[in-house]
Amino acid sequence: MWEPYKKGFKAYLQLEKSLSENSVEAYLGDIEKFVRYLQDVNILKNPAEITLKDLQQFIKWAAGLGMTATSQARMISGIRAFYKYCLVEKISEKDPTVLLEAPKLKRALPDVLSFEEIENIIAQIDMSKPEGGRNKAILETLYSCGLRVSETVNLKISQLYLDVGFIRVIGKGDKERLVPVGSIAAKYINIYKNDIRIHIAVKPGNEDILFLNKRGTKMSRVMIFMIIKDLAKKAGIKKNISPHTFRHSFATHLIEGGADLRAVQEMLGHENITTTEIYTHINRDFLRKTLEQFHPAFKK
């Protein structure tokens, strides 16, 4: 009954909103959960007939299953996007999500690595192996440019302007941005590209992809995640670390060093500066810890 609406919503997200494949799948997953709930409780309604009470009961049901507040808020966001589509396409005349309240979220500050910890993680790479040179180039790029892991796996050779110190990144919603690349990252990208990558048998369609796996195809995000987890373990670092930790650390170190918030927003590719502002909270936390540690008269 909901299949045509889901198909239409998918096309709307891809064509009208230009969202990435991952975002589209996430939104469709939210709607799929809602449809499954409607089937479980035997509510046979189409989107136009859904009420605020139906949605509230659904959120209550999701919470009862142990879904976290963050997951609930994410799901509500997906349902809101679906009803925006329904209004645009005149599937529904009313938006039942208008008064739907998302659970209050405490914005958790992500783990941040110090420069020394990043150096320690990178030092664990076995440079005697061909993938060692590739992994070093990847980690140096993640930290030097603050890239998302999806931007890193999709990075193309034709997007490198290393001679002038920039790379062209395709971010969320296919938005392009130019990001400065540090001399160390540029050095290891060149070593990998010129001395290691040339020995890989590249599969058709991957000729322009910079970072390749042993099979000559694009690396997966999970693969980079596993590489970083393994290196962090070898370095004896107990923090919760992922490729995104390098991006968080990049931004935090910039702001702690006094960088302009707008410049950091531009480099991270944040559409909204409020997303970038989380790093000012990290910075304030850093200042407080500094005072607690070094100021004799500072009262906690």
C-alpha atoms as a PDB file:
ATOM      1  CA  MET A   1       0.000   0.000   0.000  1.00  0.00           C
ATOM      2  CA  TRP A   2       2.887   2.384   0.825  1.00  0.00           C
ATOM      3  CA  GLU A   3       5.243   1.116  -1.915  1.00  0.00           C
ATOM      4  CA  PRO A   4       4.373   3.820  -4.545  1.00  0.00           C
ATOM      5  CA  TYR A   5       4.856   6.538  -1.904  1.00  0.00           C
ATOM      6  CA  LYS A   6       8.258   5.133  -0.901  1.00  0.00           C
ATOM      7  CA  LYS A   7       9.368   4.983  -4.541  1.00  0.00           C
ATOM      8  CA  GLY A   8       8.221   8.577  -5.122  1.00  0.00           C
ATOM      9  CA  PHE A   9       9.953   9.717  -1.914  1.00  0.00           C
ATOM     10  CA  LYS A  10      13.199   8.041  -3.024  1.00  0.00           C
ATOM     11  CA  ALA A  11      13.102   9.849  -6.392  1.00  0.00           C
ATOM     12  CA  TYR A  12      12.317  13.154  -4.599  1.00  0.00           C
ATOM     13  CA  LEU A  13      15.346  12.763  -2.298  1.00  0.00           C
ATOM     14  CA  GLN A  14      17.663  11.839  -5.175  1.00  0.00           C
ATOM     15  CA  LEU A  15      16.487  14.368  -7.759  1.00  0.00           C
ATOM     16  CA  GLU A  16      15.046  17.306  -5.814  1.00  0.00           C
ATOM     17  CA  LYS A  17      17.276  17.195  -2.739  1.00  0.00           C
ATOM     18  CA  SER A  18      20.396  15.717  -4.411  1.00  0.00           C
ATOM     19  CA  LEU A  19      21.106  13.636  -1.307  1.00  0.00           C
ATOM     20  CA  SER A  20      23.841  11.013  -1.179  1.00  0.00           C
ATOM     21  CA  GLU A  21      23.002   7.328  -1.474  1.00  0.00           C
ATOM     22  CA  ASN A  22      23.647   6.839   2.265  1.00  0.00           C
ATOM     23  CA  SER A  23      21.270   9.669   3.255  1.00  0.00           C
ATOM     24  CA  VAL A  24      18.559   8.394   0.901  1.00  0.00           C
ATOM     25  CA  GLU A  25      18.850   4.881   2.378  1.00  0.00           C
ATOM     26  CA  ALA A  26      18.653   6.304   5.924  1.00  0.00           C
ATOM     27  CA  TYR A  27      15.462   8.269   5.155  1.00  0.00           C
ATOM     28  CA  LEU A  28      13.849   5.281   3.434  1.00  0.00           C
ATOM     29  CA  GLY A  29      14.800   3.118   6.433  1.00  0.00           C
ATOM     30  CA  ASP A  30      12.908   5.527   8.733  1.00  0.00           C
ATOM     31  CA  ILE A  31       9.755   5.235   6.608  1.00  0.00           C
ATOM     32  CA  GLU A  32      10.166   1.448   6.403  1.00  0.00           C
ATOM     33  CA  LYS A  33      10.183   1.237  10.236  1.00  0.00           C
ATOM     34  CA  PHE A  34       7.000   3.315  10.411  1.00  0.00           C
ATOM     35  CA  VAL A  35       5.235   1.162   7.784  1.00  0.00           C
ATOM     36  CA  ARG A  36       6.283  -1.995   9.649  1.00  0.00           C
ATOM     37  CA  TYR A  37       4.835  -0.546  12.859  1.00  0.00           C
ATOM     38  CA  LEU A  38       1.525   0.261  11.102  1.00  0.00           C
ATOM     39  CA  GLN A  39       1.350  -3.337   9.877  1.00  0.00           C
ATOM     40  CA  ASP A  40       2.193  -4.742  13.333  1.00  0.00           C
ATOM     41  CA  VAL A  41      -0.600  -2.792  15.053  1.00  0.00           C
ATOM     42  CA  ASN A  42      -2.993  -3.309  12.113  1.00  0.00           C
ATOM     43  CA  ILE A  43      -3.415   0.380  11.193  1.00  0.00           C
ATOM     44  CA  LEU A  44      -4.425   0.298   7.537  1.00  0.00           C
ATOM     45  CA  LYS A  45      -4.007   3.960   6.587  1.00  0.00           C
ATOM     46  CA  ASN A  46      -2.383   5.763   3.675  1.00  0.00           C
ATOM     47  CA  PRO A  47      -0.061   8.763   4.325  1.00  0.00           C
ATOM     48  CA  ALA A  48      -2.914  11.326   4.061  1.00  0.00           C
ATOM     49  CA  GLU A  49      -4.856   9.573   6.830  1.00  0.00           C
ATOM     50  CA  ILE A  50      -2.036   9.420   9.380  1.00  0.00           C
ATOM     51  CA  THR A  51      -2.596  11.634  12.439  1.00  0.00           C
ATOM     52  CA  LEU A  52      -0.304  13.197  15.030  1.00  0.00           C
ATOM     53  CA  LYS A  53      -1.569  10.588  17.526  1.00  0.00           C
ATOM     54  CA  ASP A  54      -0.496   7.743  15.194  1.00  0.00           C
ATOM     55  CA  LEU A  55       3.002   9.219  15.036  1.00  0.00           C
ATOM     56  CA  GLN A  56       3.185   9.757  18.798  1.00  0.00           C
ATOM     57  CA  GLN A  57       2.144   6.123  19.375  1.00  0.00           C
ATOM     58  CA  PHE A  58       4.843   5.030  16.921  1.00  0.00           C
ATOM     59  CA  ILE A  59       7.558   6.981  18.782  1.00  0.00           C
ATOM     60  CA  LYS A  60       6.319   5.523  22.076  1.00  0.00           C
ATOM     61  CA  TRP A  61       6.494   2.037  20.526  1.00  0.00           C
ATOM     62  CA  ALA A  62      10.062   2.693  19.245  1.00  0.00           C
ATOM     63  CA  ALA A  63      11.149   3.907  22.712  1.00  0.00           C
ATOM     64  CA  GLY A  64       9.634   0.746  24.216  1.00  0.00           C
ATOM     65  CA  LEU A  65      11.879  -1.328  21.947  1.00  0.00           C
ATOM     66  CA  GLY A  66      14.886   0.388  23.518  1.00  0.00           C
ATOM     67  CA  MET A  67      15.598   2.821  20.687  1.00  0.00           C
ATOM     68  CA  THR A  68      17.834   5.639  21.914  1.00  0.00           C
ATOM     69  CA  ALA A  69      16.748   9.295  21.955  1.00  0.00           C
ATOM     70  CA  THR A  70      19.242   9.998  19.155  1.00  0.00           C
ATOM     71  CA  SER A  71      17.781   7.227  16.972  1.00  0.00           C
ATOM     72  CA  GLN A  72      14.233   8.436  17.697  1.00  0.00           C
ATOM     73  CA  ALA A  73      15.166  12.011  16.735  1.00  0.00           C
ATOM     74  CA  ARG A  74      16.807  10.751  13.533  1.00  0.00           C
ATOM     75  CA  MET A  75      13.679   8.757  12.677  1.00  0.00           C
ATOM     76  CA  ILE A  76      11.391  11.750  13.305  1.00  0.00           C
ATOM     77  CA  SER A  77      13.604  13.786  10.974  1.00  0.00           C
ATOM     78  CA  GLY A  78      13.055  11.140   8.252  1.00  0.00           C
ATOM     79  CA  ILE A  79       9.278  11.172   8.736  1.00  0.00           C
ATOM     80  CA  ARG A  80       9.238  14.992   8.599  1.00  0.00           C
ATOM     81  CA  ALA A  81      11.119  14.883   5.284  1.00  0.00           C
ATOM     82  CA  PHE A  82       8.595  12.333   3.984  1.00  0.00           C
ATOM     83  CA  TYR A  83       5.663  14.615   4.819  1.00  0.00           C
ATOM     84  CA  LYS A  84       7.364  17.578   3.142  1.00  0.00           C
ATOM     85  CA  TYR A  85       7.430  15.392   0.017  1.00  0.00           C
ATOM     86  CA  CYS A  86       3.730  14.470   0.551  1.00  0.00           C
ATOM     87  CA  LEU A  87       2.786  18.169   0.699  1.00  0.00           C
ATOM     88  CA  VAL A  88       4.819  19.017  -2.425  1.00  0.00           C
ATOM     89  CA  GLU A  89       3.229  16.146  -4.362  1.00  0.00           C
ATOM     90  CA  LYS A  90      -0.274  16.877  -2.936  1.00  0.00           C
ATOM     91  CA  ILE A  91      -0.447  13.347  -1.491  1.00  0.00           C
ATOM     92  CA  SER A  92      -1.476  14.878   1.811  1.00  0.00           C
ATOM     93  CA  GLU A  93      -3.074  18.254   2.585  1.00  0.00           C
ATOM     94  CA  LYS A  94      -1.870  18.336   6.197  1.00  0.00           C
ATOM     95  CA  ASP A  95       1.472  17.678   7.809  1.00  0.00           C
ATOM     96  CA  PRO A  96       0.897  15.534  10.941  1.00  0.00           C
ATOM     97  CA  THR A  97       4.537  16.032  12.022  1.00  0.00           C
ATOM     98  CA  VAL A  98       4.104  19.777  12.748  1.00  0.00           C
ATOM     99  CA  LEU A  99       3.450  19.262  16.466  1.00  0.00           C
ATOM    100  CA  LEU A 100       5.505  16.065  16.778  1.00  0.00           C
ATOM    101  CA  GLU A 101       8.169  16.576  19.435  1.00  0.00           C
ATOM    102  CA  ALA A 102      11.545  14.916  19.200  1.00  0.00           C
ATOM    103  CA  PRO A 103      13.173  13.738  22.444  1.00  0.00           C
ATOM    104  CA  LYS A 104      15.542  16.286  23.968  1.00  0.00           C
ATOM    105  CA  LEU A 105      19.099  15.402  23.072  1.00  0.00           C
ATOM    106  CA  LYS A 106      22.225  16.118  25.042  1.00  0.00           C
ATOM    107  CA  ARG A 107      24.755  16.997  22.399  1.00  0.00           C
ATOM    108  CA  ALA A 108      27.598  14.643  23.176  1.00  0.00           C
ATOM    109  CA  LEU A 109      31.031  16.021  22.461  1.00  0.00           C
ATOM    110  CA  PRO A 110      32.964  13.550  20.311  1.00  0.00           C
ATOM    111  CA  ASP A 111      36.289  12.110  21.380  1.00  0.00           C
ATOM    112  CA  VAL A 112      39.197  14.201  20.143  1.00  0.00           C
ATOM    113  CA  LEU A 113      42.766  13.032  19.599  1.00  0.00           C
ATOM    114  CA  SER A 114      45.744  15.156  20.529  1.00  0.00           C
ATOM    115  CA  PHE A 115      48.360  15.801  17.848  1.00  0.00           C
ATOM    116  CA  GLU A 116      50.667  13.366  19.687  1.00  0.00           C
ATOM    117  CA  GLU A 117      47.994  10.639  19.650  1.00  0.00           C
ATOM    118  CA  ILE A 118      47.438  11.117  15.909  1.00  0.00           C
ATOM    119  CA  GLU A 119      51.206  10.874  15.341  1.00  0.00           C
ATOM    120  CA  ASN A 120      51.280   7.715  17.496  1.00  0.00           C
ATOM    121  CA  ILE A 121      48.448   6.086  15.487  1.00  0.00           C
ATOM    122  CA  ILE A 122      50.129   6.919  12.158  1.00  0.00           C
ATOM    123  CA  ALA A 123      53.450   5.583  13.514  1.00  0.00           C
ATOM    124  CA  GLN A 124      51.863   2.108  13.911  1.00  0.00           C
ATOM    125  CA  ILE A 125      51.520   1.703  10.115  1.00  0.00           C
ATOM    126  CA  ASP A 126      53.791  -0.997   8.691  1.00  0.00           C
ATOM    127  CA  MET A 127      55.489   0.909   5.867  1.00  0.00           C
ATOM    128  CA  SER A 128      57.197  -2.252   4.559  1.00  0.00           C
ATOM    129  CA  LYS A 129      53.876  -3.341   3.025  1.00  0.00           C
ATOM    130  CA  PRO A 130      52.337  -1.699  -0.081  1.00  0.00           C
ATOM    131  CA  GLU A 131      49.106  -0.987   1.818  1.00  0.00           C
ATOM    132  CA  GLY A 132      51.214   0.778   4.452  1.00  0.00           C
ATOM    133  CA  GLY A 133      52.024   3.614   2.032  1.00  0.00           C
ATOM    134  CA  ARG A 134      48.361   3.834   1.058  1.00  0.00           C
ATOM    135  CA  ASN A 135      47.162   3.844   4.679  1.00  0.00           C
ATOM    136  CA  LYS A 136      49.659   6.552   5.639  1.00  0.00           C
ATOM    137  CA  ALA A 137      48.428   8.716   2.733  1.00  0.00           C
ATOM    138  CA  ILE A 138      44.809   8.145   3.825  1.00  0.00           C
ATOM    139  CA  LEU A 139      45.376   9.053   7.489  1.00  0.00           C
ATOM    140  CA  GLU A 140      47.508  12.083   6.665  1.00  0.00           C
ATOM    141  CA  THR A 141      44.740  13.252   4.275  1.00  0.00           C
ATOM    142  CA  LEU A 142      41.966  12.670   6.846  1.00  0.00           C
ATOM    143  CA  TYR A 143      43.798  14.769   9.437  1.00  0.00           C
ATOM    144  CA  SER A 144      45.322  17.380   7.101  1.00  0.00           C
ATOM    145  CA  CYS A 145      42.045  18.125   5.260  1.00  0.00           C
ATOM    146  CA  GLY A 146      39.334  17.145   7.760  1.00  0.00           C
ATOM    147  CA  LEU A 147      37.542  15.017   5.169  1.00  0.00           C
ATOM    148  CA  ARG A 148      34.533  12.809   5.774  1.00  0.00           C
ATOM    149  CA  VAL A 149      35.350   9.128   5.218  1.00  0.00           C
ATOM    150  CA  SER A 150      32.920   9.033   2.247  1.00  0.00           C
ATOM    151  CA  GLU A 151      34.792  11.983   0.683  1.00  0.00           C
ATOM    152  CA  THR A 152      38.086  10.142   1.180  1.00  0.00           C
ATOM    153  CA  VAL A 153      37.011   6.877  -0.479  1.00  0.00           C
ATOM    154  CA  ASN A 154      35.525   8.832  -3.406  1.00  0.00           C
ATOM    155  CA  LEU A 155      38.553  11.127  -3.860  1.00  0.00           C
ATOM    156  CA  LYS A 156      39.691  11.161  -7.493  1.00  0.00           C
ATOM    157  CA  ILE A 157      43.136  11.738  -8.985  1.00  0.00           C
ATOM    158  CA  SER A 158      41.585  14.431 -11.209  1.00  0.00           C
ATOM    159  CA  GLN A 159      40.577  16.325  -8.019  1.00  0.00           C
ATOM    160  CA  LEU A 160      44.168  16.686  -6.810  1.00  0.00           C
ATOM    161  CA  TYR A 161      45.915  20.036  -7.281  1.00  0.00           C
ATOM    162  CA  LEU A 162      48.897  19.198  -5.109  1.00  0.00           C
ATOM    163  CA  ASP A 163      51.235  21.556  -6.977  1.00  0.00           C
ATOM    164  CA  VAL A 164      49.187  24.482  -5.608  1.00  0.00           C
ATOM    165  CA  GLY A 165      48.312  22.757  -2.309  1.00  0.00           C
ATOM    166  CA  PHE A 166      44.590  22.052  -2.786  1.00  0.00           C
ATOM    167  CA  ILE A 167      42.193  19.163  -3.344  1.00  0.00           C
ATOM    168  CA  ARG A 168      38.673  19.459  -4.765  1.00  0.00           C
ATOM    169  CA  VAL A 169      36.192  17.605  -2.600  1.00  0.00           C
ATOM    170  CA  ILE A 170      32.656  16.495  -3.489  1.00  0.00           C
ATOM    171  CA  GLY A 171      30.743  16.666  -0.209  1.00  0.00           C
ATOM    172  CA  LYS A 172      27.153  16.103   0.902  1.00  0.00           C
ATOM    173  CA  GLY A 173      24.516  16.897  -1.712  1.00  0.00           C
ATOM    174  CA  ASP A 174      27.256  16.858  -4.401  1.00  0.00           C
ATOM    175  CA  LYS A 175      28.501  20.248  -3.161  1.00  0.00           C
ATOM    176  CA  GLU A 176      32.076  20.990  -4.206  1.00  0.00           C
ATOM    177  CA  ARG A 177      34.663  22.722  -2.084  1.00  0.00           C
ATOM    178  CA  LEU A 178      38.394  23.398  -2.358  1.00  0.00           C
ATOM    179  CA  VAL A 179      40.345  22.283   0.699  1.00  0.00           C
ATOM    180  CA  PRO A 180      43.993  23.150   1.399  1.00  0.00           C
ATOM    181  CA  VAL A 181      46.197  20.083   1.763  1.00  0.00           C
ATOM    182  CA  GLY A 182      49.292  20.093   3.989  1.00  0.00           C
ATOM    183  CA  SER A 183      52.735  19.412   2.573  1.00  0.00           C
ATOM    184  CA  ILE A 184      53.105  16.140   4.542  1.00  0.00           C
ATOM    185  CA  ALA A 185      49.780  14.770   3.270  1.00  0.00           C
ATOM    186  CA  ALA A 186      50.644  15.905  -0.282  1.00  0.00           C
ATOM    187  CA  LYS A 187      54.025  14.157  -0.025  1.00  0.00           C
ATOM    188  CA  TYR A 188      52.479  10.797   0.990  1.00  0.00           C
ATOM    189  CA  ILE A 189      49.668  11.073  -1.570  1.00  0.00           C
ATOM    190  CA  ASN A 190      52.331  11.528  -4.264  1.00  0.00           C
ATOM    191  CA  ILE A 191      54.419   8.601  -2.981  1.00  0.00           C
ATOM    192  CA  TYR A 192      51.343   6.352  -2.988  1.00  0.00           C
ATOM    193  CA  LYS A 193      50.097   7.562  -6.376  1.00  0.00           C
ATOM    194  CA  ASN A 194      53.458   7.449  -8.173  1.00  0.00           C
ATOM    195  CA  ASP A 195      55.240   4.507  -6.517  1.00  0.00           C
ATOM    196  CA  ILE A 196      52.556   2.119  -5.150  1.00  0.00           C
ATOM    197  CA  ARG A 197      49.270   2.607  -6.984  1.00  0.00           C
ATOM    198  CA  ILE A 198      50.910   2.125 -10.413  1.00  0.00           C
ATOM    199  CA  HIS A 199      51.568  -1.556  -9.512  1.00  0.00           C
ATOM    200  CA  ILE A 200      47.859  -2.290  -8.885  1.00  0.00           C
ATOM    201  CA  ALA A 201      45.750  -3.846 -11.652  1.00  0.00           C
ATOM    202  CA  VAL A 202      42.921  -1.285 -11.716  1.00  0.00           C
ATOM    203  CA  LYS A 203      39.424  -2.618 -12.422  1.00  0.00           C
ATOM    204  CA  PRO A 204      37.467  -0.762 -15.150  1.00  0.00           C
ATOM    205  CA  GLY A 205      35.562   2.204 -13.770  1.00  0.00           C
ATOM    206  CA  ASN A 206      38.110   2.817 -10.988  1.00  0.00           C
ATOM    207  CA  GLU A 207      40.860   4.428 -13.096  1.00  0.00           C
ATOM    208  CA  ASP A 208      40.373   7.878 -11.511  1.00  0.00           C
ATOM    209  CA  ILE A 209      39.787   6.676  -7.914  1.00  0.00           C
ATOM    210  CA  LEU A 210      42.816   7.604  -5.796  1.00  0.00           C
ATOM    211  CA  PHE A 211      42.740   5.042  -2.967  1.00  0.00           C
ATOM    212  CA  LEU A 212      42.320   1.452  -4.150  1.00  0.00           C
ATOM    213  CA  ASN A 213      42.105  -1.912  -2.398  1.00  0.00           C
ATOM    214  CA  LYS A 214      44.181  -4.933  -3.460  1.00  0.00           C
ATOM    215  CA  ARG A 215      41.528  -5.899  -6.028  1.00  0.00           C
ATOM    216  CA  GLY A 216      41.938  -2.575  -7.825  1.00  0.00           C
ATOM    217  CA  THR A 217      38.557  -1.167  -6.802  1.00  0.00           C
ATOM    218  CA  LYS A 218      37.385   1.659  -4.547  1.00  0.00           C
ATOM    219  CA  MET A 219      37.868   1.069  -0.829  1.00  0.00           C
ATOM    220  CA  SER A 220      34.825   0.812   1.434  1.00  0.00           C
ATOM    221  CA  ARG A 221      34.190   3.131   4.378  1.00  0.00           C
ATOM    222  CA  VAL A 222      34.137   0.074   6.664  1.00  0.00           C
ATOM    223  CA  MET A 223      37.648  -0.885   5.510  1.00  0.00           C
ATOM    224  CA  ILE A 224      39.051   2.510   6.534  1.00  0.00           C
ATOM    225  CA  PHE A 225      37.163   2.247   9.840  1.00  0.00           C
ATOM    226  CA  MET A 226      38.788  -1.165  10.522  1.00  0.00           C
ATOM    227  CA  ILE A 227      42.272   0.085   9.574  1.00  0.00           C
ATOM    228  CA  ILE A 228      41.998   3.006  12.037  1.00  0.00           C
ATOM    229  CA  LYS A 229      40.545   0.830  14.846  1.00  0.00           C
ATOM    230  CA  ASP A 230      43.422  -1.628  14.450  1.00  0.00           C
ATOM    231  CA  LEU A 231      46.092   1.116  14.490  1.00  0.00           C
ATOM    232  CA  ALA A 232      44.527   2.820  17.543  1.00  0.00           C
ATOM    233  CA  LYS A 233      44.553  -0.525  19.381  1.00  0.00           C
ATOM    234  CA  LYS A 234      48.240  -1.014  18.516  1.00  0.00           C
ATOM    235  CA  ALA A 235      48.940   2.529  19.774  1.00  0.00           C
ATOM    236  CA  GLY A 236      47.240   1.670  23.075  1.00  0.00           C
ATOM    237  CA  ILE A 237      44.630   4.435  22.706  1.00  0.00           C
ATOM    238  CA  LYS A 238      41.418   3.647  24.598  1.00  0.00           C
ATOM    239  CA  LYS A 239      39.230   6.431  23.158  1.00  0.00           C
ATOM    240  CA  ASN A 240      36.290   5.626  20.873  1.00  0.00           C
ATOM    241  CA  ILE A 241      38.006   6.182  17.522  1.00  0.00           C
ATOM    242  CA  SER A 242      36.685   6.181  13.965  1.00  0.00           C
ATOM    243  CA  PRO A 243      37.666   7.971  10.727  1.00  0.00           C
ATOM    244  CA  HIS A 244      35.389  10.814  11.904  1.00  0.00           C
ATOM    245  CA  THR A 245      37.648  11.279  14.955  1.00  0.00           C
ATOM    246  CA  PHE A 246      40.340  12.594  12.613  1.00  0.00           C
ATOM    247  CA  ARG A 247      37.851  15.141  11.198  1.00  0.00           C
ATOM    248  CA  HIS A 248      36.791  16.195  14.720  1.00  0.00           C
ATOM    249  CA  SER A 249      40.431  16.531  15.757  1.00  0.00           C
ATOM    250  CA  PHE A 250      41.259  18.575  12.631  1.00  0.00           C
ATOM    251  CA  ALA A 251      38.493  21.084  13.458  1.00  0.00           C
ATOM    252  CA  THR A 252      39.187  21.178  17.197  1.00  0.00           C
ATOM    253  CA  HIS A 253      42.917  21.800  16.731  1.00  0.00           C
ATOM    254  CA  LEU A 254      42.152  24.627  14.283  1.00  0.00           C
ATOM    255  CA  ILE A 255      39.742  26.372  16.656  1.00  0.00           C
ATOM    256  CA  GLU A 256      42.003  25.841  19.677  1.00  0.00           C
ATOM    257  CA  GLY A 257      44.700  27.520  17.600  1.00  0.00           C
ATOM    258  CA  GLY A 258      42.426  30.545  17.030  1.00  0.00           C
ATOM    259  CA  ALA A 259      41.106  29.813  13.514  1.00  0.00           C
ATOM    260  CA  ASP A 260      38.096  31.755  12.231  1.00  0.00           C
ATOM    261  CA  LEU A 261      34.856  29.766  12.586  1.00  0.00           C
ATOM    262  CA  ARG A 262      33.685  30.652   9.054  1.00  0.00           C
ATOM    263  CA  ALA A 263      36.971  29.369   7.600  1.00  0.00           C
ATOM    264  CA  VAL A 264      36.582  26.083   9.508  1.00  0.00           C
ATOM    265  CA  GLN A 265      32.952  25.830   8.289  1.00  0.00           C
ATOM    266  CA  GLU A 266      34.157  26.256   4.703  1.00  0.00           C
ATOM    267  CA  MET A 267      36.887  23.622   5.064  1.00  0.00           C
ATOM    268  CA  LEU A 268      34.565  21.091   6.707  1.00  0.00           C
ATOM    269  CA  GLY A 269      31.838  21.699   4.120  1.00  0.00           C
ATOM    270  CA  HIS A 270      29.159  22.407   6.759  1.00  0.00           C
ATOM    271  CA  GLU A 271      26.062  23.944   5.206  1.00  0.00           C
ATOM    272  CA  ASN A 272      25.058  25.497   8.532  1.00  0.00           C
ATOM    273  CA  ILE A 273      27.506  27.232  10.880  1.00  0.00           C
ATOM    274  CA  THR A 274      25.630  25.863  13.914  1.00  0.00           C
ATOM    275  CA  THR A 275      27.104  22.445  13.010  1.00  0.00           C
ATOM    276  CA  THR A 276      30.591  23.971  13.152  1.00  0.00           C
ATOM    277  CA  GLU A 277      29.815  25.692  16.456  1.00  0.00           C
ATOM    278  CA  ILE A 278      29.989  22.358  18.317  1.00  0.00           C
ATOM    279  CA  TYR A 279      33.768  22.830  18.137  1.00  0.00           C
ATOM    280  CA  THR A 280      33.531  26.076  20.102  1.00  0.00           C
ATOM    281  CA  HIS A 281      31.920  24.000  22.894  1.00  0.00           C
ATOM    282  CA  ILE A 282      34.870  21.609  22.723  1.00  0.00           C
ATOM    283  CA  ASN A 283      37.147  24.640  22.852  1.00  0.00           C
ATOM    284  CA  ARG A 284      35.389  25.994  25.978  1.00  0.00           C
ATOM    285  CA  ASP A 285      35.733  22.571  27.589  1.00  0.00           C
ATOM    286  CA  PHE A 286      39.439  22.646  26.710  1.00  0.00           C
ATOM    287  CA  LEU A 287      39.782  26.112  28.310  1.00  0.00           C
ATOM    288  CA  ARG A 288      38.011  24.973  31.477  1.00  0.00           C
ATOM    289  CA  LYS A 289      40.276  21.910  31.793  1.00  0.00           C
ATOM    290  CA  THR A 290      43.320  24.121  31.247  1.00  0.00           C
ATOM    291  CA  LEU A 291      42.235  26.447  34.067  1.00  0.00           C
ATOM    292  CA  GLU A 292      41.452  23.547  36.398  1.00  0.00           C
ATOM    293  CA  GLN A 293      44.852  22.062  35.705  1.00  0.00           C
ATOM    294  CA  PHE A 294      47.040  25.166  35.848  1.00  0.00           C
ATOM    295  CA  HIS A 295      45.248  27.934  37.825  1.00  0.00           C
ATOM    296  CA  PRO A 296      45.711  27.563  41.601  1.00  0.00           C
ATOM    297  CA  ALA A 297      42.708  29.772  42.444  1.00  0.00           C
ATOM    298  CA  PHE A 298      40.263  28.203  39.944  1.00  0.00           C
ATOM    299  CA  LYS A 299      37.309  26.617  41.749  1.00  0.00           C
ATOM    300  CA  LYS A 300      35.520  23.773  39.967  1.00  0.00           C
END
